[in-house]
């Protein structure tokens, strides 16, 4: 009778310890390319996964690795 109580309490303790918040990974610190002045974002990120990045032709903008440039840059 003692063994099932210990197993149940150990399972309950493991459930409490292993549950928690999901934390998004930290965004990498961005450094401007040589010879380019850094321009801060003028509006908030359009969604999850977008990173403020530099485009050689259009300048700075939000870029997503799957969806490309926000507002149609190619």
PDB file of N, CA and C in Angstrom:
ATOM      1  N   UNK A   1       0.829  -1.204   0.000  1.00  0.00           N
ATOM      2  CA  UNK A   1       0.000   0.000   0.000  1.00  0.00           C
ATOM      3  C   UNK A   1       0.869   1.261   0.000  1.00  0.00           C
ATOM      4  N   UNK A   2       2.015   1.190   0.606  1.00  0.00           N
ATOM      5  CA  UNK A   2       2.893   2.353   0.695  1.00  0.00           C
ATOM      6  C   UNK A   2       3.519   2.685  -0.664  1.00  0.00           C
ATOM      7  N   UNK A   3       3.831   1.667  -1.470  1.00  0.00           N
ATOM      8  CA  UNK A   3       4.491   1.869  -2.750  1.00  0.00           C
ATOM      9  C   UNK A   3       3.642   2.656  -3.751  1.00  0.00           C
ATOM     10  N   UNK A   4       2.350   2.349  -3.949  1.00  0.00           N
ATOM     11  CA  UNK A   4       1.552   3.151  -4.886  1.00  0.00           C
ATOM     12  C   UNK A   4       1.430   4.617  -4.460  1.00  0.00           C
ATOM     13  N   UNK A   5       1.374   4.872  -3.161  1.00  0.00           N
ATOM     14  CA  UNK A   5       1.286   6.261  -2.686  1.00  0.00           C
ATOM     15  C   UNK A   5       2.564   7.010  -3.025  1.00  0.00           C
ATOM     16  N   UNK A   6       3.717   6.363  -2.854  1.00  0.00           N
ATOM     17  CA  UNK A   6       4.989   7.003  -3.198  1.00  0.00           C
ATOM     18  C   UNK A   6       5.098   7.228  -4.710  1.00  0.00           C
ATOM     19  N   UNK A   7       4.671   6.260  -5.493  1.00  0.00           N
ATOM     20  CA  UNK A   7       4.724   6.411  -6.942  1.00  0.00           C
ATOM     21  C   UNK A   7       3.806   7.534  -7.410  1.00  0.00           C
ATOM     22  N   UNK A   8       2.616   7.605  -6.806  1.00  0.00           N
ATOM     23  CA  UNK A   8       1.674   8.665  -7.169  1.00  0.00           C
ATOM     24  C   UNK A   8       2.206  10.033  -6.775  1.00  0.00           C
ATOM     25  N   UNK A   9       2.798  10.124  -5.590  1.00  0.00           N
ATOM     26  CA  UNK A   9       3.326  11.421  -5.164  1.00  0.00           C
ATOM     27  C   UNK A   9       4.541  11.813  -5.997  1.00  0.00           C
ATOM     28  N   UNK A  10       5.354  10.819  -6.409  1.00  0.00           N
ATOM     29  CA  UNK A  10       6.504  11.123  -7.262  1.00  0.00           C
ATOM     30  C   UNK A  10       6.027  11.600  -8.636  1.00  0.00           C
ATOM     31  N   UNK A  11       4.983  10.988  -9.162  1.00  0.00           N
ATOM     32  CA  UNK A  11       4.437  11.422 -10.448  1.00  0.00           C
ATOM     33  C   UNK A  11       3.846  12.819 -10.349  1.00  0.00           C
ATOM     34  N   UNK A  12       3.158  13.107  -9.254  1.00  0.00           N
ATOM     35  CA  UNK A  12       2.583  14.438  -9.061  1.00  0.00           C
ATOM     36  C   UNK A  12       3.684  15.491  -8.932  1.00  0.00           C
ATOM     37  N   UNK A  13       4.744  15.160  -8.202  1.00  0.00           N
ATOM     38  CA  UNK A  13       5.863  16.088  -8.058  1.00  0.00           C
ATOM     39  C   UNK A  13       6.532  16.343  -9.409  1.00  0.00           C
ATOM     40  N   UNK A  14       6.723  15.291 -10.199  1.00  0.00           N
ATOM     41  CA  UNK A  14       7.331  15.451 -11.520  1.00  0.00           C
ATOM     42  C   UNK A  14       6.454  16.319 -12.420  1.00  0.00           C
ATOM     43  N   UNK A  15       5.138  16.144 -12.337  1.00  0.00           N
ATOM     44  CA  UNK A  15       4.230  16.955 -13.150  1.00  0.00           C
ATOM     45  C   UNK A  15       4.314  18.423 -12.768  1.00  0.00           C
ATOM     46  N   UNK A  16       4.430  18.707 -11.494  1.00  0.00           N
ATOM     47  CA  UNK A  16       4.514  20.098 -11.035  1.00  0.00           C
ATOM     48  C   UNK A  16       5.844  20.719 -11.436  1.00  0.00           C
ATOM     49  N   UNK A  17       6.925  19.950 -11.303  1.00  0.00           N
ATOM     50  CA  UNK A  17       8.249  20.483 -11.605  1.00  0.00           C
ATOM     51  C   UNK A  17       8.441  20.689 -13.109  1.00  0.00           C
ATOM     52  N   UNK A  18       7.920  19.787 -13.928  1.00  0.00           N
ATOM     53  CA  UNK A  18       8.173  19.831 -15.363  1.00  0.00           C
ATOM     54  C   UNK A  18       7.198  20.707 -16.143  1.00  0.00           C
ATOM     55  N   UNK A  19       6.139  21.200 -15.504  1.00  0.00           N
ATOM     56  CA  UNK A  19       5.238  22.107 -16.206  1.00  0.00           C
ATOM     57  C   UNK A  19       5.699  23.533 -15.987  1.00  0.00           C
ATOM     58  N   UNK A  20       5.431  24.386 -16.923  1.00  0.00           N
ATOM     59  CA  UNK A  20       5.854  25.767 -16.783  1.00  0.00           C
ATOM     60  C   UNK A  20       5.497  26.560 -18.019  1.00  0.00           C
ATOM     61  N   UNK A  21       6.029  27.738 -18.086  1.00  0.00           N
ATOM     62  CA  UNK A  21       5.761  28.645 -19.197  1.00  0.00           C
ATOM     63  C   UNK A  21       6.625  28.273 -20.396  1.00  0.00           C
ATOM     64  N   UNK A  22       6.112  28.566 -21.554  1.00  0.00           N
ATOM     65  CA  UNK A  22       6.912  28.439 -22.766  1.00  0.00           C
ATOM     66  C   UNK A  22       7.495  29.813 -23.039  1.00  0.00           C
ATOM     67  N   UNK A  23       8.804  29.874 -23.124  1.00  0.00           N
ATOM     68  CA  UNK A  23       9.487  31.150 -23.314  1.00  0.00           C
ATOM     69  C   UNK A  23      10.075  31.177 -24.718  1.00  0.00           C
ATOM     70  N   UNK A  24       9.802  32.244 -25.440  1.00  0.00           N
ATOM     71  CA  UNK A  24      10.347  32.392 -26.794  1.00  0.00           C
ATOM     72  C   UNK A  24      11.859  32.585 -26.709  1.00  0.00           C
ATOM     73  N   UNK A  25      12.606  32.027 -27.655  1.00  0.00           N
ATOM     74  CA  UNK A  25      14.054  32.218 -27.628  1.00  0.00           C
ATOM     75  C   UNK A  25      14.416  33.681 -27.856  1.00  0.00           C
ATOM     76  N   UNK A  26      15.502  34.089 -27.292  1.00  0.00           N
ATOM     77  CA  UNK A  26      15.950  35.472 -27.421  1.00  0.00           C
ATOM     78  C   UNK A  26      16.334  35.758 -28.868  1.00  0.00           C
ATOM     79  N   UNK A  27      15.977  36.930 -29.347  1.00  0.00           N
ATOM     80  CA  UNK A  27      16.344  37.334 -30.695  1.00  0.00           C
ATOM     81  C   UNK A  27      17.838  37.657 -30.718  1.00  0.00           C
ATOM     82  N   UNK A  28      18.533  37.275 -31.782  1.00  0.00           N
ATOM     83  CA  UNK A  28      19.960  37.596 -31.843  1.00  0.00           C
ATOM     84  C   UNK A  28      20.167  39.107 -31.948  1.00  0.00           C
ATOM     85  N   UNK A  29      21.266  39.550 -31.398  1.00  0.00           N
ATOM     86  CA  UNK A  29      21.600  40.973 -31.481  1.00  0.00           C
ATOM     87  C   UNK A  29      22.047  41.253 -32.905  1.00  0.00           C
ATOM     88  N   UNK A  30      21.461  42.278 -33.511  1.00  0.00           N
ATOM     89  CA  UNK A  30      21.751  42.579 -34.915  1.00  0.00           C
ATOM     90  C   UNK A  30      22.811  43.655 -35.017  1.00  0.00           C
ATOM     91  N   UNK A  31      23.774  43.436 -35.893  1.00  0.00           N
ATOM     92  CA  UNK A  31      24.801  44.433 -36.186  1.00  0.00           C
ATOM     93  C   UNK A  31      24.673  44.832 -37.650  1.00  0.00           C
ATOM     94  N   UNK A  32      24.731  46.120 -37.906  1.00  0.00           N
ATOM     95  CA  UNK A  32      24.614  46.618 -39.283  1.00  0.00           C
ATOM     96  C   UNK A  32      25.836  46.199 -40.097  1.00  0.00           C
ATOM     97  N   UNK A  33      25.653  45.966 -41.398  1.00  0.00           N
ATOM     98  CA  UNK A  33      26.804  45.648 -42.254  1.00  0.00           C
ATOM     99  C   UNK A  33      27.788  46.819 -42.286  1.00  0.00           C
ATOM    100  N   UNK A  34      29.042  46.564 -42.623  1.00  0.00           N
ATOM    101  CA  UNK A  34      30.021  47.659 -42.682  1.00  0.00           C
ATOM    102  C   UNK A  34      29.593  48.736 -43.685  1.00  0.00           C
ATOM    103  N   UNK A  35      29.710  49.970 -43.287  1.00  0.00           N
ATOM    104  CA  UNK A  35      29.378  51.091 -44.158  1.00  0.00           C
ATOM    105  C   UNK A  35      27.898  51.430 -44.223  1.00  0.00           C
ATOM    106  N   UNK A  36      27.060  50.777 -43.398  1.00  0.00           N
ATOM    107  CA  UNK A  36      25.622  51.018 -43.409  1.00  0.00           C
ATOM    108  C   UNK A  36      25.203  51.530 -42.038  1.00  0.00           C
ATOM    109  N   UNK A  37      24.462  52.617 -42.011  1.00  0.00           N
ATOM    110  CA  UNK A  37      23.959  53.158 -40.748  1.00  0.00           C
ATOM    111  C   UNK A  37      22.742  52.349 -40.302  1.00  0.00           C
ATOM    112  N   UNK A  38      22.702  52.020 -39.013  1.00  0.00           N
ATOM    113  CA  UNK A  38      21.564  51.262 -38.475  1.00  0.00           C
ATOM    114  C   UNK A  38      20.348  52.177 -38.354  1.00  0.00           C
ATOM    115  N   UNK A  39      19.192  51.687 -38.774  1.00  0.00           N
ATOM    116  CA  UNK A  39      17.936  52.413 -38.659  1.00  0.00           C
ATOM    117  C   UNK A  39      16.997  51.568 -37.804  1.00  0.00           C
ATOM    118  N   UNK A  40      16.475  52.149 -36.741  1.00  0.00           N
ATOM    119  CA  UNK A  40      15.583  51.418 -35.841  1.00  0.00           C
ATOM    120  C   UNK A  40      14.219  51.207 -36.494  1.00  0.00           C
ATOM    121  N   UNK A  41      13.498  50.153 -36.089  1.00  0.00           N
ATOM    122  CA  UNK A  41      12.161  49.921 -36.642  1.00  0.00           C
ATOM    123  C   UNK A  41      11.218  51.085 -36.343  1.00  0.00           C
ATOM    124  N   UNK A  42      10.344  51.397 -37.293  1.00  0.00           N
ATOM    125  CA  UNK A  42       9.384  52.479 -37.091  1.00  0.00           C
ATOM    126  C   UNK A  42       8.008  51.963 -36.693  1.00  0.00           C
ATOM    127  N   UNK A  43       7.807  50.645 -36.765  1.00  0.00           N
ATOM    128  CA  UNK A  43       6.543  50.046 -36.339  1.00  0.00           C
ATOM    129  C   UNK A  43       6.836  48.661 -35.766  1.00  0.00           C
ATOM    130  N   UNK A  44       5.882  48.119 -35.031  1.00  0.00           N
ATOM    131  CA  UNK A  44       6.100  46.844 -34.346  1.00  0.00           C
ATOM    132  C   UNK A  44       6.209  45.697 -35.348  1.00  0.00           C
ATOM    133  N   UNK A  45       6.779  44.618 -34.883  1.00  0.00           N
ATOM    134  CA  UNK A  45       6.938  43.425 -35.710  1.00  0.00           C
ATOM    135  C   UNK A  45       5.582  42.939 -36.215  1.00  0.00           C
ATOM    136  N   UNK A  46       5.475  42.587 -37.501  1.00  0.00           N
ATOM    137  CA  UNK A  46       4.186  42.152 -38.048  1.00  0.00           C
ATOM    138  C   UNK A  46       3.746  40.772 -37.575  1.00  0.00           C
ATOM    139  N   UNK A  47       4.607  40.015 -36.930  1.00  0.00           N
ATOM    140  CA  UNK A  47       4.211  38.694 -36.453  1.00  0.00           C
ATOM    141  C   UNK A  47       5.378  37.934 -35.876  1.00  0.00           C
ATOM    142  N   UNK A  48       5.087  36.738 -35.417  1.00  0.00           N
ATOM    143  CA  UNK A  48       6.102  35.883 -34.817  1.00  0.00           C
ATOM    144  C   UNK A  48       7.068  35.423 -35.906  1.00  0.00           C
ATOM    145  N   UNK A  49       8.340  35.486 -35.622  1.00  0.00           N
ATOM    146  CA  UNK A  49       9.352  35.018 -36.563  1.00  0.00           C
ATOM    147  C   UNK A  49       9.977  36.096 -37.416  1.00  0.00           C
ATOM    148  N   UNK A  50       9.381  37.288 -37.458  1.00  0.00           N
ATOM    149  CA  UNK A  50       9.957  38.377 -38.241  1.00  0.00           C
ATOM    150  C   UNK A  50      11.142  38.983 -37.498  1.00  0.00           C
ATOM    151  N   UNK A  51      12.200  39.287 -38.244  1.00  0.00           N
ATOM    152  CA  UNK A  51      13.418  39.862 -37.683  1.00  0.00           C
ATOM    153  C   UNK A  51      13.740  41.132 -38.448  1.00  0.00           C
ATOM    154  N   UNK A  52      14.144  42.167 -37.728  1.00  0.00           N
ATOM    155  CA  UNK A  52      14.549  43.418 -38.353  1.00  0.00           C
ATOM    156  C   UNK A  52      15.871  43.166 -39.062  1.00  0.00           C
ATOM    157  N   UNK A  53      15.905  43.392 -40.387  1.00  0.00           N
ATOM    158  CA  UNK A  53      17.067  43.019 -41.173  1.00  0.00           C
ATOM    159  C   UNK A  53      17.335  44.068 -42.249  1.00  0.00           C
ATOM    160  N   UNK A  54      18.504  44.009 -42.812  1.00  0.00           N
ATOM    161  CA  UNK A  54      18.911  44.950 -43.859  1.00  0.00           C
ATOM    162  C   UNK A  54      18.816  44.297 -45.233  1.00  0.00           C
ATOM    163  N   UNK A  55      18.211  45.004 -46.193  1.00  0.00           N
ATOM    164  CA  UNK A  55      18.135  44.561 -47.584  1.00  0.00           C
ATOM    165  C   UNK A  55      19.040  45.482 -48.387  1.00  0.00           C
ATOM    166  N   UNK A  56      19.951  44.926 -49.192  1.00  0.00           N
ATOM    167  CA  UNK A  56      20.913  45.778 -49.906  1.00  0.00           C
ATOM    168  C   UNK A  56      20.279  46.809 -50.837  1.00  0.00           C
ATOM    169  N   UNK A  57      19.110  46.524 -51.384  1.00  0.00           N
ATOM    170  CA  UNK A  57      18.491  47.458 -52.328  1.00  0.00           C
ATOM    171  C   UNK A  57      17.461  48.377 -51.670  1.00  0.00           C
ATOM    172  N   UNK A  58      16.682  47.845 -50.723  1.00  0.00           N
ATOM    173  CA  UNK A  58      15.572  48.606 -50.139  1.00  0.00           C
ATOM    174  C   UNK A  58      15.838  49.153 -48.747  1.00  0.00           C
ATOM    175  N   UNK A  59      16.928  48.765 -48.127  1.00  0.00           N
ATOM    176  CA  UNK A  59      17.214  49.236 -46.779  1.00  0.00           C
ATOM    177  C   UNK A  59      16.669  48.284 -45.727  1.00  0.00           C
ATOM    178  N   UNK A  60      16.310  48.835 -44.583  1.00  0.00           N
ATOM    179  CA  UNK A  60      15.864  48.006 -43.463  1.00  0.00           C
ATOM    180  C   UNK A  60      14.387  47.668 -43.562  1.00  0.00           C
ATOM    181  N   UNK A  61      14.042  46.495 -43.027  1.00  0.00           N
ATOM    182  CA  UNK A  61      12.652  46.067 -42.997  1.00  0.00           C
ATOM    183  C   UNK A  61      12.508  44.765 -42.223  1.00  0.00           C
ATOM    184  N   UNK A  62      11.266  44.343 -42.055  1.00  0.00           N
ATOM    185  CA  UNK A  62      10.982  43.094 -41.336  1.00  0.00           C
ATOM    186  C   UNK A  62      11.080  41.930 -42.309  1.00  0.00           C
ATOM    187  N   UNK A  63      11.840  40.910 -41.948  1.00  0.00           N
ATOM    188  CA  UNK A  63      12.029  39.741 -42.796  1.00  0.00           C
ATOM    189  C   UNK A  63      11.693  38.468 -42.026  1.00  0.00           C
ATOM    190  N   UNK A  64      10.997  37.562 -42.693  1.00  0.00           N
ATOM    191  CA  UNK A  64      10.660  36.257 -42.117  1.00  0.00           C
ATOM    192  C   UNK A  64      11.358  35.202 -42.971  1.00  0.00           C
ATOM    193  N   UNK A  65      12.002  34.204 -42.343  1.00  0.00           N
ATOM    194  CA  UNK A  65      12.732  33.212 -43.145  1.00  0.00           C
ATOM    195  C   UNK A  65      11.845  32.411 -44.096  1.00  0.00           C
ATOM    196  N   UNK A  66      10.567  32.248 -43.787  1.00  0.00           N
ATOM    197  CA  UNK A  66       9.663  31.474 -44.645  1.00  0.00           C
ATOM    198  C   UNK A  66       8.834  32.361 -45.577  1.00  0.00           C
ATOM    199  N   UNK A  67       8.344  33.498 -45.053  1.00  0.00           N
ATOM    200  CA  UNK A  67       7.421  34.341 -45.815  1.00  0.00           C
ATOM    201  C   UNK A  67       8.094  35.496 -46.545  1.00  0.00           C
ATOM    202  N   UNK A  68       9.352  35.735 -46.301  1.00  0.00           N
ATOM    203  CA  UNK A  68      10.070  36.806 -46.992  1.00  0.00           C
ATOM    204  C   UNK A  68       9.886  38.164 -46.330  1.00  0.00           C
ATOM    205  N   UNK A  69      10.005  39.207 -47.124  1.00  0.00           N
ATOM    206  CA  UNK A  69       9.963  40.575 -46.619  1.00  0.00           C
ATOM    207  C   UNK A  69       8.532  41.034 -46.414  1.00  0.00           C
ATOM    208  N   UNK A  70       8.318  41.730 -45.317  1.00  0.00           N
ATOM    209  CA  UNK A  70       7.014  42.297 -45.037  1.00  0.00           C
ATOM    210  C   UNK A  70       6.764  43.447 -46.000  1.00  0.00           C
ATOM    211  N   UNK A  71       5.533  43.601 -46.420  1.00  0.00           N
ATOM    212  CA  UNK A  71       5.114  44.634 -47.372  1.00  0.00           C
ATOM    213  C   UNK A  71       5.713  44.437 -48.764  1.00  0.00           C
ATOM    214  N   UNK A  72       5.995  43.185 -49.123  1.00  0.00           N
ATOM    215  CA  UNK A  72       6.287  42.841 -50.501  1.00  0.00           C
ATOM    216  C   UNK A  72       7.677  43.017 -51.045  1.00  0.00           C
ATOM    217  N   UNK A  73       8.673  43.272 -50.254  1.00  0.00           N
ATOM    218  CA  UNK A  73      10.015  43.372 -50.805  1.00  0.00           C
ATOM    219  C   UNK A  73      10.454  42.002 -51.294  1.00  0.00           C
ATOM    220  N   UNK A  74      11.152  41.929 -52.375  1.00  0.00           N
ATOM    221  CA  UNK A  74      11.655  40.647 -52.911  1.00  0.00           C
ATOM    222  C   UNK A  74      13.153  40.656 -52.987  1.00  0.00           C
TER     223      UNK A  74
END
